[in-house]
Amino acid sequence: MTSAKKVVSVLIIILLPSFLLADNLKDLLAYAMHNNNVILSDIFGQKAMLKNAASTKSSLFPTLYLGGKYTRLDQRSPYRPGDVYTGSVTAEYTIYDGSKRKSTVAQQLQQAKSLKFDTLAQKKQLQFTIVKYYYQIKSLTATKKAYEEACKDLKAELQREKKLYKTGMITYNNVQSMQAVLSNNIYKISSTNYQIVRTRKMLSLQIGKSVTKLQNSVIKPPKNIQATPNNTIKVLQSSAKALSYQAKSIDSAYKPTVNIADTYSLNGYGRYDAYHPKGKTNQNQLLININFLIFDDGAVQQQEDAVLLQKSALQYQIAQAKKTQSINVELARLNIQTIKYQIISSKNALMSAQGAYKIVAKKYQIGSIDYTTYLDALSVKTTAESQYKQALNNLQIAYANYYFQTNKNIQEYIK
């Protein structure tokens, strides 16, 4: 094996574990959808609502009861045996209830559907939040790197300044000023590092697992993306439908309720005498129950009116939510264009700052300019590097925001 191949093999061995441990944005989003505690809570809440609807739906069918009873008398009396064994079967069915239960089932299903859309809204919001944290970490890391590179240059110049000071070629003020700027950059690195750790912790909390290293991920630019009503609107629409069914359920109180029940009993006896008939006896009982609300001073009607007023209130919220989404989509599109202009501007500023710094650094080293001009040029270059990287990452967030506002799945648009 040649030396070049050995070097490549060693680099692969060193870098591969680091690469494998790094997380890409798409995988993080997929993991969060199944492990975020808020999402899991919503899913179980939705299942509970569906169970309630299933329970109410079951009440539409007849119910069947099987019972048994044993009675013992220590001292018998005439016509009463000492032991009585009773078994019974009862069937009950509500023939008519004014469609109350059907309306209740429909209401509960709409409530479950509303929670489903709310869960989808939570997922979309969670995706966007994760994307923001992800690229914020990228921006903060770039800023930290810019300060670290500036520190390298400052340390090198500081060493040179100290040597020149010892020879008496410059004043101690030059050394102090250089040291002050270096210390300030070290402070900024420490502060930025804290922000990175804090943002990474927030990202880990949203995802449901610890996140250490992040791979480079890119979001596709939106092309021919048409907005669809977001899940917040769908939540309101489903809630409005649920209120309609609730109103129907309340209105059913003015309609008669008809119940029927039939009970068949079979009795067996022990320790009986000549006064009690021998053998088993049976009894069948049929019960029909009809209830009709005659007067309630308008209580039920007022309840129904209150529910319908709530539905009317939701209609206004739906209209407002549609307008809000439309404006947010328009602003998201405008934001993308604005950030693209910022990228062009910051890139030009970076190229100018880098070029100016090279010239100023050379002039400073030969003593043709003072340290203030050098430090200003270094500061401009450091800021320009940070702003350019931040603009690039902000564009990724802007893309994600556009997909979020148009109610798309961000995960599908990640390369």
Protein backbone atom coordinates (compact mmCIF):
# COMPACT_ATOMS: atom_id res chain seq x y z
CA MET A 1 0.00 0.00 0.00
CA THR A 2 1.38 3.38 -0.99
CA SER A 3 1.86 6.13 1.56
CA ALA A 4 -0.97 8.18 0.01
CA LYS A 5 -3.42 5.28 0.39
CA LYS A 6 -2.29 4.81 3.99
CA VAL A 7 -3.00 8.46 4.73
CA VAL A 8 -6.47 8.20 3.17
CA SER A 9 -7.23 5.04 5.15
CA VAL A 10 -6.16 6.67 8.39
CA LEU A 11 -8.31 9.75 7.66
CA ILE A 12 -11.33 7.53 6.94
CA ILE A 13 -10.84 5.66 10.21
CA ILE A 14 -10.55 8.95 12.11
CA LEU A 15 -13.38 10.85 10.44
CA LEU A 16 -15.93 8.06 9.87
CA PRO A 17 -17.03 7.69 13.52
CA SER A 18 -17.50 11.46 13.75
CA PHE A 19 -19.59 11.43 10.55
CA LEU A 20 -21.70 8.52 11.72
CA LEU A 21 -22.41 10.23 15.04
CA ALA A 22 -23.53 13.45 13.35
CA ASP A 23 -27.25 14.02 12.78
CA ASN A 24 -28.79 15.37 9.60
CA LEU A 25 -31.88 17.55 9.69
CA LYS A 26 -34.18 15.11 7.92
CA ASP A 27 -33.47 12.29 10.37
CA LEU A 28 -33.92 14.62 13.33
CA LEU A 29 -37.35 15.68 12.08
CA ALA A 30 -38.39 12.06 11.53
CA TYR A 31 -37.24 11.10 15.02
CA ALA A 32 -39.04 14.02 16.64
CA MET A 33 -42.38 13.12 15.02
CA HIS A 34 -42.39 9.84 16.98
CA ASN A 35 -40.67 10.87 20.21
CA ASN A 36 -41.69 14.42 21.11
CA ASN A 37 -43.73 14.28 24.33
CA VAL A 38 -46.24 16.93 23.24
CA ILE A 39 -46.98 15.02 20.03
CA LEU A 40 -47.31 11.73 21.89
CA SER A 41 -49.68 13.37 24.39
CA ASP A 42 -51.88 14.66 21.56
CA ILE A 43 -51.94 11.24 19.89
CA PHE A 44 -53.12 9.53 23.09
CA GLY A 45 -55.71 12.28 23.60
CA GLN A 46 -57.02 11.63 20.10
CA LYS A 47 -57.24 7.88 20.81
CA ALA A 48 -59.19 8.61 24.00
CA MET A 49 -61.72 10.70 22.06
CA LEU A 50 -62.15 7.93 19.50
CA LYS A 51 -62.79 5.47 22.34
CA ASN A 52 -65.47 7.78 23.75
CA ALA A 53 -67.12 7.94 20.33
CA ALA A 54 -66.97 4.15 20.01
CA SER A 55 -68.53 3.79 23.47
CA THR A 56 -71.41 6.12 22.57
CA LYS A 57 -71.88 4.34 19.25
CA SER A 58 -72.20 1.01 21.07
CA SER A 59 -75.17 2.40 22.98
CA LEU A 60 -77.12 2.45 19.71
CA PHE A 61 -77.38 -1.36 19.93
CA PRO A 62 -79.42 -3.42 22.42
CA THR A 63 -77.84 -4.36 25.74
CA LEU A 64 -78.12 -7.80 27.30
CA TYR A 65 -77.79 -8.57 31.03
CA LEU A 66 -77.44 -11.98 32.63
CA GLY A 67 -78.09 -12.20 36.37
CA GLY A 68 -78.44 -14.72 39.15
CA LYS A 69 -79.55 -14.68 42.80
CA TYR A 70 -79.68 -17.12 45.70
CA THR A 71 -81.87 -16.59 48.79
CA ARG A 72 -81.77 -18.75 51.94
CA LEU A 73 -84.16 -18.71 54.92
CA ASP A 74 -83.00 -20.50 58.06
CA GLN A 75 -86.60 -20.91 59.24
CA ARG A 76 -89.08 -21.68 56.54
CA SER A 77 -92.61 -20.37 56.60
CA PRO A 78 -95.69 -21.64 54.78
CA TYR A 79 -95.66 -20.99 51.08
CA ARG A 80 -92.02 -19.81 51.29
CA PRO A 81 -89.28 -22.36 50.53
CA GLY A 82 -85.98 -22.28 52.40
CA ASP A 83 -83.84 -21.94 49.26
CA VAL A 84 -84.62 -19.96 46.13
CA TYR A 85 -82.41 -20.00 43.03
CA THR A 86 -83.11 -17.31 40.46
CA GLY A 87 -81.60 -16.76 37.04
CA SER A 88 -82.61 -13.90 34.71
CA VAL A 89 -81.91 -12.48 31.29
CA THR A 90 -82.75 -8.83 30.51
CA ALA A 91 -82.64 -7.18 27.11
CA GLU A 92 -82.89 -3.39 26.84
CA TYR A 93 -83.11 -1.16 23.79
CA THR A 94 -83.81 2.51 23.18
CA ILE A 95 -86.15 2.51 20.22
CA TYR A 96 -86.15 6.29 19.73
CA ASP A 97 -84.29 9.19 21.37
CA GLY A 98 -84.65 11.97 18.80
CA SER A 99 -81.23 11.08 17.27
CA LYS A 100 -79.49 12.26 20.43
CA ARG A 101 -76.92 9.46 20.51
CA LYS A 102 -76.22 9.64 16.78
CA SER A 103 -75.59 13.37 17.10
CA THR A 104 -73.37 12.77 20.11
CA VAL A 105 -71.34 10.18 18.19
CA ALA A 106 -70.95 12.59 15.27
CA GLN A 107 -69.93 15.36 17.69
CA GLN A 108 -67.28 13.19 19.37
CA LEU A 109 -65.89 12.06 16.01
CA GLN A 110 -65.58 15.69 14.91
CA GLN A 111 -63.84 16.52 18.19
CA ALA A 112 -61.40 13.67 17.57
CA LYS A 113 -60.88 14.97 14.03
CA SER A 114 -60.28 18.44 15.41
CA LEU A 115 -57.64 17.08 17.77
CA LYS A 116 -56.09 15.19 14.85
CA PHE A 117 -55.69 18.44 12.91
CA ASP A 118 -54.37 20.08 16.06
CA THR A 119 -51.76 17.32 16.31
CA LEU A 120 -50.80 17.90 12.66
CA ALA A 121 -50.50 21.63 13.41
CA GLN A 122 -48.26 20.80 16.37
CA LYS A 123 -46.11 18.61 14.14
CA LYS A 124 -45.73 21.34 11.51
CA GLN A 125 -44.86 23.88 14.21
CA LEU A 126 -42.40 21.42 15.76
CA GLN A 127 -40.72 20.88 12.39
CA PHE A 128 -40.25 24.62 11.88
CA THR A 129 -38.98 25.09 15.44
CA ILE A 130 -36.40 22.32 14.96
CA VAL A 131 -35.27 23.85 11.65
CA LYS A 132 -34.81 27.25 13.31
CA TYR A 133 -32.75 25.80 16.15
CA TYR A 134 -30.74 23.70 13.69
CA TYR A 135 -29.66 26.66 11.54
CA GLN A 136 -29.27 28.95 14.53
CA ILE A 137 -26.64 26.53 15.79
CA LYS A 138 -25.01 26.64 12.35
CA SER A 139 -24.94 30.47 12.44
CA LEU A 140 -23.60 30.58 15.99
CA THR A 141 -20.91 28.03 15.10
CA ALA A 142 -19.87 30.16 12.12
CA THR A 143 -19.73 33.25 14.33
CA LYS A 144 -17.59 31.40 16.86
CA LYS A 145 -15.26 30.25 14.09
CA ALA A 146 -14.91 33.83 12.79
CA TYR A 147 -13.92 35.04 16.26
CA GLU A 148 -11.48 32.13 16.66
CA GLU A 149 -9.79 32.97 13.37
CA ALA A 150 -9.57 36.60 14.43
CA CYS A 151 -7.99 35.49 17.69
CA LYS A 152 -5.31 33.57 15.79
CA ASP A 153 -4.38 36.68 13.85
CA LEU A 154 -4.48 38.80 16.99
CA LYS A 155 -2.28 36.37 18.93
CA ALA A 156 0.27 36.36 16.12
CA GLU A 157 0.29 40.16 15.94
CA LEU A 158 0.39 40.44 19.72
CA GLN A 159 3.57 38.33 19.83
CA ARG A 160 5.08 40.52 17.17
CA GLU A 161 4.00 43.66 19.06
CA LYS A 162 5.63 42.42 22.26
CA LYS A 163 8.92 41.84 20.46
CA LEU A 164 8.78 45.32 18.89
CA TYR A 165 8.01 46.83 22.27
CA LYS A 166 11.06 45.20 23.81
CA THR A 167 13.22 46.76 21.13
CA GLY A 168 11.57 50.14 21.77
CA MET A 169 10.07 50.44 18.29
CA ILE A 170 6.48 50.86 19.53
CA THR A 171 4.79 52.05 22.70
CA TYR A 172 3.18 49.86 25.32
CA ASN A 173 -0.18 51.36 24.30
CA ASN A 174 -0.02 49.31 21.09
CA VAL A 175 0.42 46.10 23.08
CA GLN A 176 -2.36 46.97 25.52
CA SER A 177 -4.81 47.80 22.75
CA MET A 178 -4.05 44.56 20.93
CA GLN A 179 -4.41 42.57 24.15
CA ALA A 180 -7.73 44.29 24.94
CA VAL A 181 -9.22 43.37 21.56
CA LEU A 182 -7.96 39.80 21.92
CA SER A 183 -9.53 39.49 25.38
CA ASN A 184 -12.79 40.91 24.04
CA ASN A 185 -12.86 38.31 21.26
CA ILE A 186 -12.18 35.53 23.76
CA TYR A 187 -15.12 36.83 25.79
CA LYS A 188 -17.32 36.79 22.68
CA ILE A 189 -16.23 33.21 21.91
CA SER A 190 -17.21 32.13 25.42
CA SER A 191 -20.58 33.90 25.14
CA THR A 192 -21.25 32.40 21.70
CA ASN A 193 -20.28 28.95 22.95
CA TYR A 194 -22.88 29.25 25.73
CA GLN A 195 -25.52 30.21 23.16
CA ILE A 196 -24.57 27.15 21.08
CA VAL A 197 -24.91 24.85 24.10
CA ARG A 198 -28.21 26.46 25.11
CA THR A 199 -29.67 26.22 21.59
CA ARG A 200 -28.50 22.62 21.27
CA LYS A 201 -30.23 21.78 24.56
CA MET A 202 -33.46 23.37 23.28
CA LEU A 203 -33.10 21.40 20.05
CA SER A 204 -32.60 18.16 21.99
CA LEU A 205 -35.70 18.91 24.07
CA GLN A 206 -37.83 19.34 20.96
CA ILE A 207 -36.47 16.21 19.27
CA GLY A 208 -36.57 13.91 22.28
CA LYS A 209 -32.92 12.86 22.30
CA SER A 210 -29.48 14.35 22.86
CA VAL A 211 -27.96 16.12 19.86
CA THR A 212 -24.22 16.71 19.61
CA LYS A 213 -22.94 17.07 16.04
CA LEU A 214 -24.93 18.27 13.06
CA GLN A 215 -24.37 17.38 9.43
CA ASN A 216 -24.85 19.92 6.67
CA SER A 217 -28.43 19.81 5.37
CA VAL A 218 -30.02 21.93 2.65
CA ILE A 219 -33.69 22.79 2.13
CA LYS A 220 -34.89 22.95 -1.47
CA PRO A 221 -35.97 26.39 -2.71
CA PRO A 222 -39.80 26.60 -3.10
CA LYS A 223 -41.00 26.31 -6.69
CA ASN A 224 -44.66 26.43 -7.75
CA ILE A 225 -45.84 25.78 -4.20
CA GLN A 226 -49.53 26.47 -3.70
CA ALA A 227 -50.82 27.12 -0.20
CA THR A 228 -53.49 24.87 1.28
CA PRO A 229 -55.59 25.72 4.36
CA ASN A 230 -53.39 25.17 7.38
CA ASN A 231 -54.30 22.81 10.18
CA THR A 232 -55.28 25.64 12.51
CA ILE A 233 -58.09 26.51 10.08
CA LYS A 234 -59.06 22.84 9.86
CA VAL A 235 -59.17 22.62 13.67
CA LEU A 236 -61.62 25.52 13.78
CA GLN A 237 -63.73 24.05 10.98
CA SER A 238 -63.97 20.67 12.71
CA SER A 239 -64.82 22.37 16.01
CA ALA A 240 -67.60 24.29 14.28
CA LYS A 241 -69.05 21.06 12.88
CA ALA A 242 -68.83 19.46 16.32
CA LEU A 243 -70.87 22.34 17.74
CA SER A 244 -73.52 21.79 15.04
CA TYR A 245 -73.91 18.17 16.15
CA GLN A 246 -73.92 19.24 19.79
CA ALA A 247 -76.81 21.62 19.03
CA LYS A 248 -78.74 18.75 17.39
CA SER A 249 -78.09 16.57 20.42
CA ILE A 250 -79.43 19.28 22.74
CA ASP A 251 -82.49 19.83 20.53
CA SER A 252 -83.37 16.13 20.79
CA ALA A 253 -84.49 16.79 24.39
CA TYR A 254 -87.75 18.15 22.96
CA LYS A 255 -88.43 14.83 21.25
CA PRO A 256 -89.80 11.71 23.00
CA THR A 257 -87.55 8.94 24.27
CA VAL A 258 -88.87 5.39 23.97
CA ASN A 259 -87.17 2.53 25.85
CA ILE A 260 -88.14 -1.12 25.89
CA ALA A 261 -86.93 -3.81 28.29
CA ASP A 262 -87.79 -7.48 28.57
CA THR A 263 -86.73 -9.67 31.50
CA TYR A 264 -87.14 -13.43 31.64
CA SER A 265 -86.64 -15.08 35.06
CA LEU A 266 -86.39 -18.76 35.98
CA ASN A 267 -86.71 -19.78 39.65
CA GLY A 268 -85.76 -23.04 41.34
CA TYR A 269 -86.58 -24.03 44.95
CA GLY A 270 -85.16 -26.15 47.73
CA ARG A 271 -86.43 -27.18 51.17
CA TYR A 272 -90.04 -26.58 50.22
CA ASP A 273 -93.09 -28.20 51.85
CA ALA A 274 -96.60 -29.25 50.83
CA TYR A 275 -97.84 -25.65 50.84
CA HIS A 276 -95.38 -24.62 48.11
CA PRO A 277 -95.79 -25.92 44.54
CA LYS A 278 -93.10 -28.28 43.34
CA GLY A 279 -90.91 -27.72 40.28
CA LYS A 280 -89.50 -24.57 38.65
CA THR A 281 -91.41 -21.39 37.92
CA ASN A 282 -90.71 -18.72 35.30
CA GLN A 283 -91.75 -15.15 34.68
CA ASN A 284 -91.43 -12.84 31.68
CA GLN A 285 -91.72 -9.07 32.22
CA LEU A 286 -92.05 -6.53 29.40
CA LEU A 287 -91.52 -2.83 30.13
CA ILE A 288 -92.08 0.05 27.70
CA ASN A 289 -91.05 3.49 28.92
CA ILE A 290 -91.92 6.74 27.10
CA ASN A 291 -90.65 10.14 28.28
CA PHE A 292 -91.52 13.49 26.76
CA LEU A 293 -90.38 16.95 27.88
CA ILE A 294 -93.45 19.13 28.36
CA PHE A 295 -92.08 22.32 29.97
CA ASP A 296 -88.61 23.61 30.93
CA ASP A 297 -89.10 27.40 30.62
CA GLY A 298 -86.86 27.43 27.52
CA ALA A 299 -83.79 26.00 29.30
CA VAL A 300 -82.94 23.52 26.53
CA GLN A 301 -83.52 26.10 23.79
CA GLN A 302 -81.19 28.54 25.51
CA GLN A 303 -78.49 25.85 25.71
CA GLU A 304 -78.89 25.18 22.00
CA ASP A 305 -78.75 28.91 21.20
CA ALA A 306 -75.56 29.27 23.26
CA VAL A 307 -73.89 26.46 21.30
CA LEU A 308 -74.94 27.96 17.96
CA LEU A 309 -73.52 31.33 19.06
CA GLN A 310 -70.21 29.60 19.81
CA LYS A 311 -70.32 28.16 16.30
CA SER A 312 -70.89 31.66 14.87
CA ALA A 313 -67.90 32.92 16.84
CA LEU A 314 -65.75 30.16 15.32
CA GLN A 315 -66.84 31.20 11.82
CA TYR A 316 -65.31 34.64 12.41
CA GLN A 317 -62.15 32.99 13.75
CA ILE A 318 -61.97 30.83 10.62
CA ALA A 319 -62.26 33.90 8.38
CA GLN A 320 -59.53 35.66 10.37
CA ALA A 321 -57.27 32.58 10.27
CA LYS A 322 -57.60 32.39 6.47
CA LYS A 323 -56.62 36.05 6.11
CA THR A 324 -53.71 35.55 8.51
CA GLN A 325 -52.39 32.59 6.55
CA SER A 326 -52.65 34.51 3.28
CA ILE A 327 -50.64 37.41 4.72
CA ASN A 328 -48.06 35.09 6.29
CA VAL A 329 -47.51 33.30 2.97
CA GLU A 330 -47.01 36.63 1.21
CA LEU A 331 -44.57 37.81 3.89
CA ALA A 332 -42.70 34.50 3.80
CA ARG A 333 -42.24 34.86 0.05
CA LEU A 334 -41.04 38.46 0.47
CA ASN A 335 -38.68 37.42 3.25
CA ILE A 336 -36.97 34.92 0.94
CA GLN A 337 -36.32 37.65 -1.64
CA THR A 338 -35.07 40.03 1.06
CA ILE A 339 -32.60 37.48 2.45
CA LYS A 340 -31.34 36.67 -1.06
CA TYR A 341 -30.48 40.36 -1.49
CA GLN A 342 -28.82 40.28 1.93
CA ILE A 343 -26.70 37.32 0.85
CA ILE A 344 -25.51 39.15 -2.24
CA SER A 345 -24.75 42.26 -0.19
CA SER A 346 -23.02 40.39 2.63
CA LYS A 347 -20.96 38.34 0.16
CA ASN A 348 -19.74 41.51 -1.54
CA ALA A 349 -19.01 43.03 1.85
CA LEU A 350 -17.08 39.91 2.88
CA MET A 351 -14.96 39.91 -0.28
CA SER A 352 -14.20 43.60 0.20
CA ALA A 353 -13.44 43.15 3.88
CA GLN A 354 -11.13 40.18 3.23
CA GLY A 355 -9.29 42.05 0.49
CA ALA A 356 -8.97 45.20 2.59
CA TYR A 357 -7.74 43.20 5.59
CA LYS A 358 -4.96 41.56 3.59
CA ILE A 359 -3.73 44.96 2.41
CA VAL A 360 -4.06 46.57 5.84
CA ALA A 361 -2.33 43.63 7.55
CA LYS A 362 0.68 43.91 5.23
CA LYS A 363 0.88 47.68 5.69
CA TYR A 364 0.57 47.29 9.45
CA GLN A 365 3.40 44.77 9.56
CA ILE A 366 5.73 47.18 7.75
CA GLY A 367 4.59 50.05 9.97
CA SER A 368 2.95 52.27 7.35
CA ILE A 369 -0.40 52.36 9.26
CA ASP A 370 -1.25 52.35 12.96
CA TYR A 371 -2.81 49.55 15.02
CA THR A 372 -6.22 51.25 15.13
CA THR A 373 -6.64 50.92 11.37
CA TYR A 374 -5.53 47.29 11.55
CA LEU A 375 -7.96 46.43 14.34
CA ASP A 376 -10.82 48.15 12.52
CA ALA A 377 -10.10 46.16 9.37
CA LEU A 378 -9.95 42.89 11.34
CA SER A 379 -13.23 43.69 13.11
CA VAL A 380 -14.96 44.46 9.79
CA LYS A 381 -13.70 41.19 8.29
CA THR A 382 -14.84 39.17 11.32
CA THR A 383 -18.29 40.76 11.29
CA ALA A 384 -18.62 40.27 7.52
CA GLU A 385 -17.76 36.55 7.80
CA SER A 386 -20.35 36.09 10.53
CA GLN A 387 -23.07 38.04 8.68
CA TYR A 388 -22.55 36.15 5.43
CA LYS A 389 -22.85 32.73 7.10
CA GLN A 390 -25.83 33.92 9.09
CA ALA A 391 -27.55 35.16 5.91
CA LEU A 392 -27.04 31.77 4.27
CA ASN A 393 -28.56 29.98 7.25
CA ASN A 394 -31.41 32.51 7.48
CA LEU A 395 -32.29 31.67 3.89
CA GLN A 396 -32.72 28.02 4.87
CA ILE A 397 -35.00 29.10 7.73
CA ALA A 398 -36.93 31.33 5.30
CA TYR A 399 -37.46 28.37 2.95
CA ALA A 400 -38.73 26.29 5.88
CA ASN A 401 -41.01 29.13 6.98
CA TYR A 402 -42.54 29.30 3.49
CA TYR A 403 -43.30 25.57 3.53
CA PHE A 404 -44.69 25.97 7.05
CA GLN A 405 -46.97 28.85 6.09
CA THR A 406 -48.23 27.01 2.97
CA ASN A 407 -48.99 23.95 5.15
CA LYS A 408 -46.41 21.65 3.57
CA ASN A 409 -44.32 18.95 5.19
CA ILE A 410 -40.85 20.51 5.56
CA GLN A 411 -39.28 17.08 5.88
CA GLU A 412 -40.13 16.29 2.25
CA TYR A 413 -38.13 19.26 0.96
CA ILE A 414 -34.79 18.51 2.64
CA LYS A 415 -31.93 17.26 0.49
